[in-house]
Amino acid sequence: MRWDHLGDSPAAPADTALFGTEAVTTRTFDTPEFRGITFHEVRARSVLNRVPGASRMPFEWTVNPYRGCTHACVYCFARKSHSYLDLDTGIGFDSQIVVKVNAPEVLARQLASARWQGAHIAMGTNVDCYQRAEGRYGLMPGILTALRDHANPFSILTKGTLILRDLELLTQAARVTEVGISVSVGFTDRELWRTVEPGTPSPQRRLDVVRTLGAHGIDCAVLMAPVVPFLGDRPEQLRATVRAIAEAGASSVTPLVLHLRPGAREWFMRWLREHHPGLVSRYERMYAAGAYAPTWYQRRITRQVHELAAEFGIGPTRHGGARRIPVPEEPERAAIPEQLTLL
C-alpha cells in the first residue's frame, strides 16, 4: 500500500500530502458488522478538499472523513480513488477503509483560519460519510459542530440512516446557516437493491429518513441515483420509485442515470457478467463512447421522472408535509416497457 505523499490525486506533489506513513494505524474488529473489514486510521493534515475546476460538480469544496465504503455499491464512481493507494478498486474499496480520525478538530482549525472565506462545503459526494464505519468512529458530530459553530453552509448526500443520530445538530446548524440534505434512492426494487447496493440500508429505510427529517422541519431532497439501464428503468419501476419518494415528503427529486468511470466500470461489468450475462453486450454498446449513457437516453429518463414528479406533486411543501397519494380505484396496469434501440 502506498501512503507517502498521498494527496487528492496520483500526481499530488509532496508538499500537499494529506498524511504520511508515520500517521497510519491499521485495525480490525472481530464483530459481525465489521468482520472482514480493515480500518486504516490516519491523522490528516487537511480535510478541506478543493474540487478540480474541470469537474461537473456544482460545488468547490468537500470534506470526506472516509475513503473506501462498506456500502459496497457495485457502480460507485469513487472506486478509482482507491487505486491512488495501490489498493484494489473492487473488494479492496469495500473492505479497506481509510478513516481520518482527527477530521473534526482539523476542520475546526481550518474553518477558523483567516484565509477561509466560508464557502459551501459538500459531504458524501465521494464516499458516504454515514457509512457503517461512522457508527464506530463517530466523526460526523464533531464535523457538524464545527460547521455550526462557524455558521458555514454545507450539504450532505447519504444512503445512511445514521444521519438521524445527528438530527439535533442538523437542526441547530439550520438555524444559523444554509443546510442541504439529500438522500440517494435510485430505485425501490428490493431484488436490485440487494445485489447492487449490498451494504446499504434498504430504499424504504432511506425514505423513512426523508420522512423523519421533514417531520422535524428539515427539507430533504432525493437524488434518484442511479437509474440503472435495463434493470431499473422500466416505466412501472420509475413510477413506483417516484411515488414512494413523493409519499415520503421529499422536497424534490433529481434523476441521475448510471455512469461508469474507470475503476467502477470494470467492477460493475464483472458483476453484470455474473448476474445478468444477457445484458453485457447491451451495456457495451450503451457505454461505448465513455462513462456516460447517451444523451438521448439521459433526457428520456429525466423527462419521465419529471412528468411523474409533477403527477405526484413533488415540490416545495410545508415542513413535514409527507404527501398522501390517493389509492387508485382499480389496480394500475403496468405499462409496456419501451424497447431501446442501441444501434
Protein backbone atom coordinates (compact mmCIF):
# COMPACT_ATOMS: atom_id res chain seq x y z
CA MET A 1 0.00 0.00 0.00
CA ARG A 2 1.27 3.47 -0.89
CA TRP A 3 0.86 6.18 1.78
CA ASP A 4 3.80 8.56 1.39
CA HIS A 5 2.95 11.92 -0.15
CA LEU A 6 -0.66 10.92 -0.70
CA GLY A 7 -2.78 13.81 -1.94
CA ASP A 8 -6.15 14.08 -3.62
CA SER A 9 -4.82 12.62 -6.88
CA PRO A 10 -1.94 10.37 -8.01
CA ALA A 11 0.01 13.42 -9.17
CA ALA A 12 -0.25 15.38 -5.92
CA PRO A 13 3.12 16.96 -5.03
CA ALA A 14 4.85 16.08 -1.77
CA ASP A 15 4.11 19.41 -0.11
CA THR A 16 0.34 18.84 -0.45
CA ALA A 17 0.36 15.38 1.12
CA LEU A 18 -2.64 14.76 3.33
CA PHE A 19 -0.78 12.42 5.69
CA GLY A 20 2.36 10.31 5.81
CA THR A 21 3.29 6.74 6.69
CA GLU A 22 4.05 7.60 10.30
CA ALA A 23 0.43 8.68 10.83
CA VAL A 24 -1.22 5.35 9.93
CA THR A 25 -2.61 2.77 12.40
CA THR A 26 -4.28 -0.35 11.00
CA ARG A 27 -7.09 -2.04 12.94
CA THR A 28 -9.58 -4.86 12.57
CA PHE A 29 -12.61 -5.54 14.79
CA ASP A 30 -13.94 -9.02 15.45
CA THR A 31 -17.60 -8.07 15.47
CA PRO A 32 -20.22 -9.28 12.96
CA GLU A 33 -20.78 -5.86 11.38
CA PHE A 34 -17.06 -5.28 10.77
CA ARG A 35 -15.80 -8.81 10.10
CA GLY A 36 -13.52 -8.88 7.06
CA ILE A 37 -13.03 -5.10 7.11
CA THR A 38 -9.69 -3.40 7.77
CA PHE A 39 -9.57 0.18 9.01
CA HIS A 40 -6.55 2.39 8.35
CA GLU A 41 -6.66 5.22 10.88
CA VAL A 42 -4.80 8.30 9.71
CA ARG A 43 -4.17 11.73 11.19
CA ALA A 44 -4.95 14.12 8.37
CA ARG A 45 -3.11 17.40 7.81
CA SER A 46 -6.09 18.84 5.95
CA VAL A 47 -9.70 17.77 5.41
CA LEU A 48 -10.88 20.55 3.11
CA ASN A 49 -10.56 19.30 -0.46
CA ARG A 50 -10.83 21.63 -3.44
CA VAL A 51 -12.78 20.19 -6.36
CA PRO A 52 -10.87 20.37 -9.68
CA GLY A 53 -12.06 23.19 -11.91
CA ALA A 54 -12.93 20.77 -14.71
CA SER A 55 -15.35 18.84 -12.50
CA ARG A 56 -19.09 18.76 -13.29
CA MET A 57 -19.86 19.19 -9.59
CA PRO A 58 -21.76 22.38 -8.60
CA PHE A 59 -19.58 22.97 -5.53
CA GLU A 60 -15.94 23.85 -4.95
CA TRP A 61 -15.10 22.31 -1.56
CA THR A 62 -15.69 18.90 0.02
CA VAL A 63 -14.95 17.10 3.28
CA ASN A 64 -14.54 13.33 3.17
CA PRO A 65 -13.77 11.76 6.56
CA TYR A 66 -13.55 8.29 4.98
CA ARG A 67 -12.04 6.70 1.87
CA GLY A 68 -13.46 3.40 0.72
CA CYS A 69 -17.03 2.45 1.64
CA THR A 70 -18.69 -0.56 3.23
CA HIS A 71 -21.89 0.20 1.33
CA ALA A 72 -20.18 -1.79 -1.44
CA CYS A 73 -22.29 -0.34 -4.27
CA VAL A 74 -21.01 -2.11 -7.37
CA TYR A 75 -21.33 1.04 -9.50
CA CYS A 76 -19.65 3.54 -7.13
CA PHE A 77 -17.64 6.08 -9.15
CA ALA A 78 -15.31 6.69 -6.17
CA ARG A 79 -13.72 3.25 -6.57
CA LYS A 80 -10.98 4.76 -8.73
CA SER A 81 -9.66 6.76 -5.76
CA HIS A 82 -8.55 3.54 -4.05
CA SER A 83 -6.04 2.94 -6.83
CA TYR A 84 -4.13 6.02 -5.58
CA LEU A 85 -3.25 3.87 -2.54
CA ASP A 86 -2.36 0.87 -4.70
CA LEU A 87 -5.50 -0.78 -3.33
CA ASP A 88 -7.96 -2.86 -5.30
CA THR A 89 -10.95 -0.88 -6.60
CA GLY A 90 -13.23 -3.89 -6.11
CA ILE A 91 -13.15 -5.83 -2.84
CA GLY A 92 -10.42 -3.51 -1.55
CA PHE A 93 -12.69 -0.48 -1.87
CA ASP A 94 -15.43 -2.29 0.06
CA SER A 95 -13.22 -3.64 2.84
CA GLN A 96 -10.12 -1.40 3.22
CA ILE A 97 -11.44 1.78 4.81
CA VAL A 98 -9.31 4.86 5.47
CA VAL A 99 -10.52 6.82 8.50
CA LYS A 100 -9.36 10.40 9.12
CA VAL A 101 -9.71 10.11 12.88
CA ASN A 102 -8.82 13.75 13.58
CA ALA A 103 -11.16 15.19 10.92
CA PRO A 104 -13.38 17.19 13.35
CA GLU A 105 -10.52 19.06 15.03
CA VAL A 106 -8.68 19.67 11.75
CA LEU A 107 -11.85 21.05 10.16
CA ALA A 108 -12.50 23.32 13.14
CA ARG A 109 -8.98 24.71 12.82
CA GLN A 110 -9.30 25.27 9.08
CA LEU A 111 -12.69 26.97 9.39
CA ALA A 112 -11.21 29.33 11.99
CA SER A 113 -8.39 30.37 9.68
CA ALA A 114 -8.45 33.95 8.42
CA ARG A 115 -7.87 32.57 4.92
CA TRP A 116 -11.12 30.60 4.90
CA GLN A 117 -13.94 32.61 3.31
CA GLY A 118 -16.90 30.48 4.39
CA ALA A 119 -17.59 28.70 1.09
CA HIS A 120 -20.19 25.96 0.87
CA ILE A 121 -18.85 22.51 1.82
CA ALA A 122 -20.32 19.33 0.34
CA MET A 123 -20.12 15.97 2.14
CA GLY A 124 -20.94 12.47 0.94
CA THR A 125 -20.03 13.28 -2.64
CA ASN A 126 -17.11 10.83 -2.81
CA VAL A 127 -17.97 8.10 -0.30
CA ASP A 128 -20.78 8.09 2.25
CA CYS A 129 -19.95 9.95 5.46
CA TYR A 130 -22.69 7.92 7.18
CA GLN A 131 -21.47 4.51 6.12
CA ARG A 132 -21.22 1.71 8.68
CA ALA A 133 -17.81 2.85 9.96
CA GLU A 134 -19.34 6.10 11.23
CA GLY A 135 -21.20 4.10 13.86
CA ARG A 136 -17.87 3.17 15.44
CA TYR A 137 -15.76 6.28 14.80
CA GLY A 138 -18.42 8.96 15.25
CA LEU A 139 -16.68 11.69 13.24
CA MET A 140 -19.74 13.49 11.91
CA PRO A 141 -20.99 15.02 15.19
CA GLY A 142 -17.68 16.86 15.59
CA ILE A 143 -17.69 17.90 11.93
CA LEU A 144 -21.26 19.22 12.17
CA THR A 145 -20.43 21.02 15.40
CA ALA A 146 -17.53 22.82 13.71
CA LEU A 147 -19.74 23.82 10.77
CA ARG A 148 -22.50 25.01 13.09
CA ASP A 149 -20.14 26.98 15.32
CA HIS A 150 -18.72 28.81 12.27
CA ALA A 151 -22.14 29.17 10.58
CA ASN A 152 -20.60 27.60 7.49
CA PRO A 153 -23.06 26.46 4.80
CA PHE A 154 -22.93 22.76 3.92
CA SER A 155 -24.76 19.91 2.27
CA ILE A 156 -24.86 16.16 2.84
CA LEU A 157 -25.66 13.35 0.42
CA THR A 158 -26.16 9.94 2.01
CA LYS A 159 -27.66 6.48 1.79
CA GLY A 160 -27.15 6.03 5.54
CA THR A 161 -29.86 6.10 8.18
CA LEU A 162 -27.28 7.02 10.83
CA ILE A 163 -27.77 10.66 9.87
CA LEU A 164 -30.82 10.65 12.15
CA ARG A 165 -28.47 10.26 15.12
CA ASP A 166 -27.31 13.81 14.37
CA LEU A 167 -30.78 15.29 13.90
CA GLU A 168 -30.38 17.81 16.73
CA LEU A 169 -27.05 19.08 15.37
CA LEU A 170 -28.55 19.44 11.89
CA THR A 171 -31.46 21.38 13.34
CA GLN A 172 -29.12 23.69 15.23
CA ALA A 173 -26.96 24.26 12.15
CA ALA A 174 -30.02 25.03 10.02
CA ARG A 175 -30.87 27.91 12.38
CA VAL A 176 -27.59 29.70 11.65
CA THR A 177 -26.62 28.72 8.10
CA GLU A 178 -27.78 27.09 4.88
CA VAL A 179 -28.06 23.30 5.24
CA GLY A 180 -28.95 21.00 2.35
CA ILE A 181 -29.73 17.31 2.88
CA SER A 182 -30.22 14.79 0.09
CA VAL A 183 -30.82 11.06 0.32
CA SER A 184 -29.90 8.77 -2.56
CA VAL A 185 -32.65 6.37 -3.69
CA GLY A 186 -32.29 5.24 -7.28
CA PHE A 187 -34.99 2.55 -7.17
CA THR A 188 -37.30 0.71 -4.79
CA ASP A 189 -36.86 -2.73 -6.36
CA ARG A 190 -35.65 -4.88 -3.44
CA GLU A 191 -34.01 -7.57 -5.59
CA LEU A 192 -31.98 -4.98 -7.46
CA TRP A 193 -31.07 -3.26 -4.17
CA ARG A 194 -29.77 -6.46 -2.57
CA THR A 195 -27.40 -7.16 -5.45
CA VAL A 196 -26.06 -3.73 -6.45
CA GLU A 197 -26.07 -1.99 -3.03
CA PRO A 198 -25.50 -4.91 -0.62
CA GLY A 199 -24.11 -2.88 2.28
CA THR A 200 -26.72 -0.11 2.34
CA PRO A 201 -29.96 0.30 4.29
CA SER A 202 -32.98 -0.62 2.19
CA PRO A 203 -34.56 2.03 -0.05
CA GLN A 204 -37.60 2.12 2.26
CA ARG A 205 -35.44 2.83 5.31
CA ARG A 206 -33.76 5.64 3.42
CA LEU A 207 -37.15 7.10 2.54
CA ASP A 208 -38.01 6.89 6.24
CA VAL A 209 -35.05 9.23 6.77
CA VAL A 210 -36.60 11.69 4.32
CA ARG A 211 -39.90 11.44 6.16
CA THR A 212 -38.32 11.91 9.60
CA LEU A 213 -36.22 14.90 8.56
CA GLY A 214 -39.29 16.56 7.07
CA ALA A 215 -41.26 15.94 10.24
CA HIS A 216 -38.56 17.84 12.14
CA GLY A 217 -38.62 20.83 9.80
CA ILE A 218 -35.64 19.91 7.63
CA ASP A 219 -36.41 19.72 3.91
CA CYS A 220 -34.82 16.70 2.29
CA ALA A 221 -34.31 16.16 -1.43
CA VAL A 222 -33.90 12.79 -3.13
CA LEU A 223 -31.21 12.10 -5.69
CA MET A 224 -32.76 9.31 -7.74
CA ALA A 225 -29.44 7.71 -8.49
CA PRO A 226 -28.53 5.67 -10.19
CA VAL A 227 -31.23 4.82 -12.66
CA VAL A 228 -29.82 1.50 -13.89
CA PRO A 229 -30.41 0.85 -17.61
CA PHE A 230 -32.44 -2.29 -18.41
CA LEU A 231 -32.68 -3.21 -14.71
CA GLY A 232 -34.33 -0.23 -13.04
CA ASP A 233 -35.68 1.92 -15.87
CA ARG A 234 -38.97 0.29 -16.84
CA PRO A 235 -41.88 2.76 -16.70
CA GLU A 236 -43.55 0.88 -13.84
CA GLN A 237 -40.27 0.88 -11.88
CA LEU A 238 -39.79 4.61 -12.33
CA ARG A 239 -43.40 5.22 -11.34
CA ALA A 240 -43.10 3.11 -8.17
CA THR A 241 -39.91 4.88 -7.15
CA VAL A 242 -41.16 8.43 -7.73
CA ARG A 243 -44.44 7.60 -5.99
CA ALA A 244 -42.56 6.32 -2.91
CA ILE A 245 -40.35 9.42 -2.92
CA ALA A 246 -43.44 11.64 -3.04
CA GLU A 247 -45.13 9.75 -0.21
CA ALA A 248 -42.00 10.29 1.92
CA GLY A 249 -42.41 14.06 1.51
CA ALA A 250 -39.24 14.78 -0.46
CA SER A 251 -38.78 18.43 -1.38
CA SER A 252 -37.52 17.49 -4.85
CA VAL A 253 -36.35 14.55 -6.92
CA THR A 254 -33.41 14.61 -9.35
CA PRO A 255 -32.73 11.59 -11.57
CA LEU A 256 -29.19 10.57 -12.45
CA VAL A 257 -28.50 7.77 -14.90
CA LEU A 258 -25.78 5.27 -14.06
CA HIS A 259 -22.33 6.36 -15.17
CA LEU A 260 -19.35 4.01 -15.28
CA ARG A 261 -15.98 5.63 -14.77
CA PRO A 262 -12.71 3.65 -14.83
CA GLY A 263 -12.41 1.66 -11.62
CA ALA A 264 -16.17 1.35 -11.26
CA ARG A 265 -16.73 0.23 -14.83
CA GLU A 266 -14.60 -2.91 -14.51
CA TRP A 267 -16.20 -3.91 -11.20
CA PHE A 268 -19.75 -3.27 -12.43
CA MET A 269 -19.19 -5.20 -15.66
CA ARG A 270 -17.82 -8.14 -13.69
CA TRP A 271 -20.99 -8.07 -11.58
CA LEU A 272 -23.14 -7.81 -14.71
CA ARG A 273 -21.49 -10.87 -16.30
CA GLU A 274 -22.22 -12.87 -13.17
CA HIS A 275 -25.79 -11.76 -12.53
CA HIS A 276 -27.12 -10.62 -15.93
CA PRO A 277 -24.89 -12.02 -18.69
CA GLY A 278 -27.54 -11.34 -21.32
CA LEU A 279 -27.15 -7.60 -20.77
CA VAL A 280 -23.38 -7.39 -21.22
CA SER A 281 -23.45 -6.63 -24.94
CA ARG A 282 -26.20 -4.04 -24.49
CA TYR A 283 -24.12 -2.24 -21.86
CA GLU A 284 -21.02 -2.39 -24.01
CA ARG A 285 -22.94 -0.65 -26.79
CA MET A 286 -24.63 1.87 -24.49
CA TYR A 287 -21.34 2.91 -22.82
CA ALA A 288 -19.11 2.50 -25.87
CA ALA A 289 -18.44 6.25 -26.06
CA GLY A 290 -17.32 6.64 -22.44
CA ALA A 291 -18.52 6.78 -18.85
CA TYR A 292 -21.95 8.27 -19.54
CA ALA A 293 -25.07 6.87 -21.17
CA PRO A 294 -26.08 8.53 -24.45
CA THR A 295 -27.64 11.97 -24.15
CA TRP A 296 -30.90 10.81 -25.71
CA TYR A 297 -31.29 8.16 -23.01
CA GLN A 298 -30.48 10.55 -20.15
CA ARG A 299 -33.01 13.05 -21.49
CA ARG A 300 -35.69 10.38 -21.79
CA ILE A 301 -35.24 9.28 -18.18
CA THR A 302 -35.17 12.87 -16.95
CA ARG A 303 -38.38 13.67 -18.83
CA GLN A 304 -40.16 10.59 -17.46
CA VAL A 305 -39.13 11.31 -13.88
CA HIS A 306 -40.08 14.98 -14.13
CA GLU A 307 -43.50 14.06 -15.51
CA LEU A 308 -44.04 11.61 -12.67
CA ALA A 309 -42.85 14.16 -10.12
CA ALA A 310 -45.41 16.63 -11.43
CA GLU A 311 -48.13 13.97 -11.33
CA PHE A 312 -47.38 13.12 -7.69
CA GLY A 313 -46.92 16.73 -6.66
CA ILE A 314 -43.26 16.70 -5.67
CA GLY A 315 -42.05 20.20 -4.96
CA PRO A 316 -41.80 22.71 -2.14
CA THR A 317 -44.17 21.75 0.68
CA ARG A 318 -44.74 22.70 4.27
CA HIS A 319 -42.21 21.22 6.69
CA GLY A 320 -43.06 17.63 7.50
CA GLY A 321 -45.73 17.53 4.81
CA ALA A 322 -45.41 13.98 3.54
CA ARG A 323 -47.78 13.57 0.62
CA ARG A 324 -50.81 11.32 0.74
CA ILE A 325 -51.07 9.77 -2.69
CA PRO A 326 -54.64 8.61 -3.37
CA VAL A 327 -55.12 4.89 -3.89
CA PRO A 328 -56.50 4.19 -7.40
CA GLU A 329 -59.92 2.62 -7.54
CA GLU A 330 -58.61 -0.14 -9.77
CA PRO A 331 -55.14 -1.69 -9.81
CA GLU A 332 -52.95 0.18 -12.23
CA ARG A 333 -51.95 -1.81 -15.27
CA ALA A 334 -48.21 -1.97 -15.80
CA ALA A 335 -47.00 -0.02 -18.79
CA ILE A 336 -45.31 -1.97 -21.57
CA PRO A 337 -41.56 -1.39 -21.27
CA GLU A 338 -40.13 0.60 -24.13
CA GLN A 339 -37.60 -1.32 -26.18
CA LEU A 340 -34.33 0.57 -26.54
CA THR A 341 -32.50 0.66 -29.84
CA LEU A 342 -28.79 0.99 -29.37
CA LEU A 343 -27.60 0.56 -32.92
